[in-house]
């Protein structure tokens, strides 16, 4: 009897089409079985998290009244595109389709890996102690070739 109750309160399926994200609530079409296709299921996600899983994503539905027609998606995952290799305690953001990741590593580092190789910031970046990959500290470095007037200097030196 208990197993039957759980089957009616929860559903596990896969998204069929891309999510629709043009209204007040994101919706998705979910196939639960060969005969059970639910359209426009609302997707509930944590505030501030942006996610539009591609078709084929696993979808967990909660059917509060016990009826599939009265269900919402409360979790989703894509087996092909999920992030792999996280250490205990790590968290982050990952776009598996593009391959970009922001990882809050277990050792405290923040690792940003853009698939395109480019990080775009729209606004001002303020850094307390910025050091380039070449080892040049931006807040405290020298330039060679300093001359008077409008002459230019050589590149920064560590």
Protein backbone atom coordinates (compact mmCIF):
# COMPACT_ATOMS: atom_id res chain seq x y z
CA UNK A 1 0.00 0.00 0.00
CA UNK A 2 2.80 2.45 0.88
CA UNK A 3 4.54 1.89 -2.48
CA UNK A 4 1.34 2.77 -4.34
CA UNK A 5 1.02 6.04 -2.42
CA UNK A 6 4.58 7.04 -3.36
CA UNK A 7 3.92 6.21 -7.02
CA UNK A 8 1.01 8.64 -7.03
CA UNK A 9 2.76 11.38 -5.06
CA UNK A 10 5.94 11.35 -7.18
CA UNK A 11 6.73 10.85 -10.83
CA UNK A 12 10.02 10.37 -12.63
CA UNK A 13 10.29 11.13 -16.33
CA UNK A 14 12.27 12.92 -19.03
CA UNK A 15 11.81 16.27 -20.71
CA UNK A 16 10.72 15.97 -24.33
CA UNK A 17 11.03 19.51 -25.67
CA UNK A 18 13.15 22.50 -24.65
CA UNK A 19 11.76 24.25 -21.58
CA UNK A 20 9.49 27.24 -22.18
CA UNK A 21 10.86 30.23 -20.31
CA UNK A 22 8.81 33.14 -21.64
CA UNK A 23 6.15 33.33 -18.93
CA UNK A 24 6.09 33.98 -15.20
CA UNK A 25 7.04 30.35 -14.49
CA UNK A 26 9.24 28.05 -16.56
CA UNK A 27 7.33 25.06 -17.95
CA UNK A 28 8.35 21.80 -19.58
CA UNK A 29 6.77 18.81 -21.33
CA UNK A 30 7.56 15.56 -19.47
CA UNK A 31 7.16 11.96 -20.61
CA UNK A 32 6.60 9.67 -17.63
CA UNK A 33 5.90 6.51 -19.60
CA UNK A 34 5.02 5.37 -23.11
CA UNK A 35 1.43 6.46 -22.54
CA UNK A 36 1.86 9.32 -20.10
CA UNK A 37 2.89 12.71 -21.50
CA UNK A 38 2.36 15.82 -19.37
CA UNK A 39 2.48 19.23 -21.00
CA UNK A 40 3.31 22.58 -19.39
CA UNK A 41 4.48 21.24 -16.03
CA UNK A 42 5.73 24.12 -13.91
CA UNK A 43 9.42 23.94 -12.92
CA UNK A 44 10.27 25.14 -9.41
CA UNK A 45 13.91 26.08 -8.83
CA UNK A 46 15.82 27.89 -6.11
CA UNK A 47 15.74 31.67 -6.33
CA UNK A 48 18.71 33.05 -8.24
CA UNK A 49 19.59 29.83 -10.02
CA UNK A 50 19.29 30.03 -13.80
CA UNK A 51 18.67 26.69 -15.47
CA UNK A 52 17.08 25.57 -18.71
CA UNK A 53 17.91 21.87 -19.03
CA UNK A 54 18.07 20.48 -22.56
CA UNK A 55 15.59 17.86 -23.79
CA UNK A 56 16.24 14.44 -22.34
CA UNK A 57 16.78 15.71 -18.79
CA UNK A 58 15.52 13.61 -15.89
CA UNK A 59 12.55 15.28 -14.19
CA UNK A 60 11.22 14.58 -10.68
CA UNK A 61 7.60 15.59 -10.25
CA UNK A 62 5.61 16.01 -7.06
CA UNK A 63 1.91 15.36 -7.40
CA UNK A 64 0.57 16.97 -4.23
CA UNK A 65 -3.02 15.86 -4.72
CA UNK A 66 -2.06 12.44 -6.03
CA UNK A 67 -3.09 13.36 -9.58
CA UNK A 68 -0.48 13.67 -12.33
CA UNK A 69 -2.40 16.62 -13.83
CA UNK A 70 -1.68 18.51 -10.60
CA UNK A 71 2.11 18.10 -10.58
CA UNK A 72 5.20 20.34 -10.55
CA UNK A 73 8.83 19.60 -11.38
CA UNK A 74 10.97 20.01 -8.24
CA UNK A 75 14.30 18.67 -9.49
CA UNK A 76 16.04 17.91 -12.76
CA UNK A 77 19.32 16.46 -13.94
CA UNK A 78 20.84 15.63 -17.32
CA UNK A 79 22.85 12.42 -17.26
CA UNK A 80 24.93 13.31 -20.33
CA UNK A 81 25.75 16.92 -19.38
CA UNK A 82 26.09 16.80 -15.60
CA UNK A 83 29.36 17.88 -13.93
CA UNK A 84 31.53 14.93 -12.96
CA UNK A 85 34.41 14.64 -10.51
CA UNK A 86 33.31 17.00 -7.73
CA UNK A 87 35.07 16.48 -4.40
CA UNK A 88 33.06 16.34 -1.14
CA UNK A 89 31.92 19.84 -0.19
CA UNK A 90 32.38 21.36 -3.64
CA UNK A 91 29.65 23.30 -5.35
CA UNK A 92 29.34 25.49 -8.40
CA UNK A 93 27.63 26.27 -11.66
CA UNK A 94 28.11 24.13 -14.76
CA UNK A 95 26.83 24.41 -18.31
CA UNK A 96 27.42 20.92 -19.63
CA UNK A 97 26.23 21.73 -23.13
CA UNK A 98 28.85 24.49 -23.60
CA UNK A 99 31.40 23.17 -21.10
CA UNK A 100 31.74 26.26 -18.88
CA UNK A 101 32.14 25.88 -15.12
CA UNK A 102 32.43 28.01 -12.00
CA UNK A 103 33.62 25.70 -9.24
CA UNK A 104 33.87 26.56 -5.54
CA UNK A 105 36.61 24.05 -4.80
CA UNK A 106 37.03 22.09 -1.58
CA UNK A 107 40.32 23.90 -0.86
CA UNK A 108 38.63 27.33 -1.03
CA UNK A 109 39.69 28.28 -4.57
CA UNK A 110 37.15 29.64 -7.05
CA UNK A 111 37.90 28.12 -10.43
CA UNK A 112 36.31 29.73 -13.48
CA UNK A 113 36.60 27.69 -16.67
CA UNK A 114 34.94 29.32 -19.68
CA UNK A 115 34.52 26.99 -22.67
CA UNK A 116 35.27 29.87 -25.04
CA UNK A 117 38.40 30.91 -23.12
CA UNK A 118 36.89 34.34 -22.48
CA UNK A 119 35.29 35.76 -19.32
CA UNK A 120 33.06 38.77 -20.04
CA UNK A 121 32.35 41.18 -17.18
CA UNK A 122 29.72 43.85 -17.76
CA UNK A 123 30.68 46.39 -15.13
CA UNK A 124 33.65 47.18 -12.92
CA UNK A 125 35.98 44.56 -11.48
CA UNK A 126 37.56 45.44 -8.15
CA UNK A 127 40.36 43.22 -6.92
CA UNK A 128 42.17 43.51 -3.59
CA UNK A 129 45.34 41.81 -4.80
CA UNK A 130 45.41 40.92 -8.50
CA UNK A 131 48.37 38.97 -9.86
CA UNK A 132 48.64 38.06 -13.54
CA UNK A 133 49.51 34.58 -14.74
CA UNK A 134 53.02 35.92 -15.50
CA UNK A 135 53.41 36.84 -11.82
CA UNK A 136 52.97 40.61 -12.16
CA UNK A 137 51.17 42.16 -9.19
CA UNK A 138 48.98 44.96 -10.57
CA UNK A 139 48.95 47.00 -7.36
CA UNK A 140 52.75 47.02 -6.96
CA UNK A 141 54.91 46.62 -10.05
CA UNK A 142 57.46 48.62 -12.00
CA UNK A 143 57.94 49.55 -15.65
CA UNK A 144 61.29 49.81 -17.37
CA UNK A 145 62.25 52.41 -19.94
CA UNK A 146 60.77 55.39 -18.10
CA UNK A 147 61.62 58.65 -19.90
CA UNK A 148 60.43 62.22 -19.76
CA UNK A 149 57.53 63.68 -21.71
CA UNK A 150 55.10 61.64 -23.77
CA UNK A 151 57.40 58.60 -24.24
CA UNK A 152 56.00 55.19 -23.40
CA UNK A 153 57.45 52.61 -21.04
CA UNK A 154 58.22 48.97 -21.50
CA UNK A 155 55.82 46.32 -20.21
CA UNK A 156 55.18 45.65 -16.53
CA UNK A 157 57.84 43.88 -14.50
CA UNK A 158 57.24 41.71 -11.43
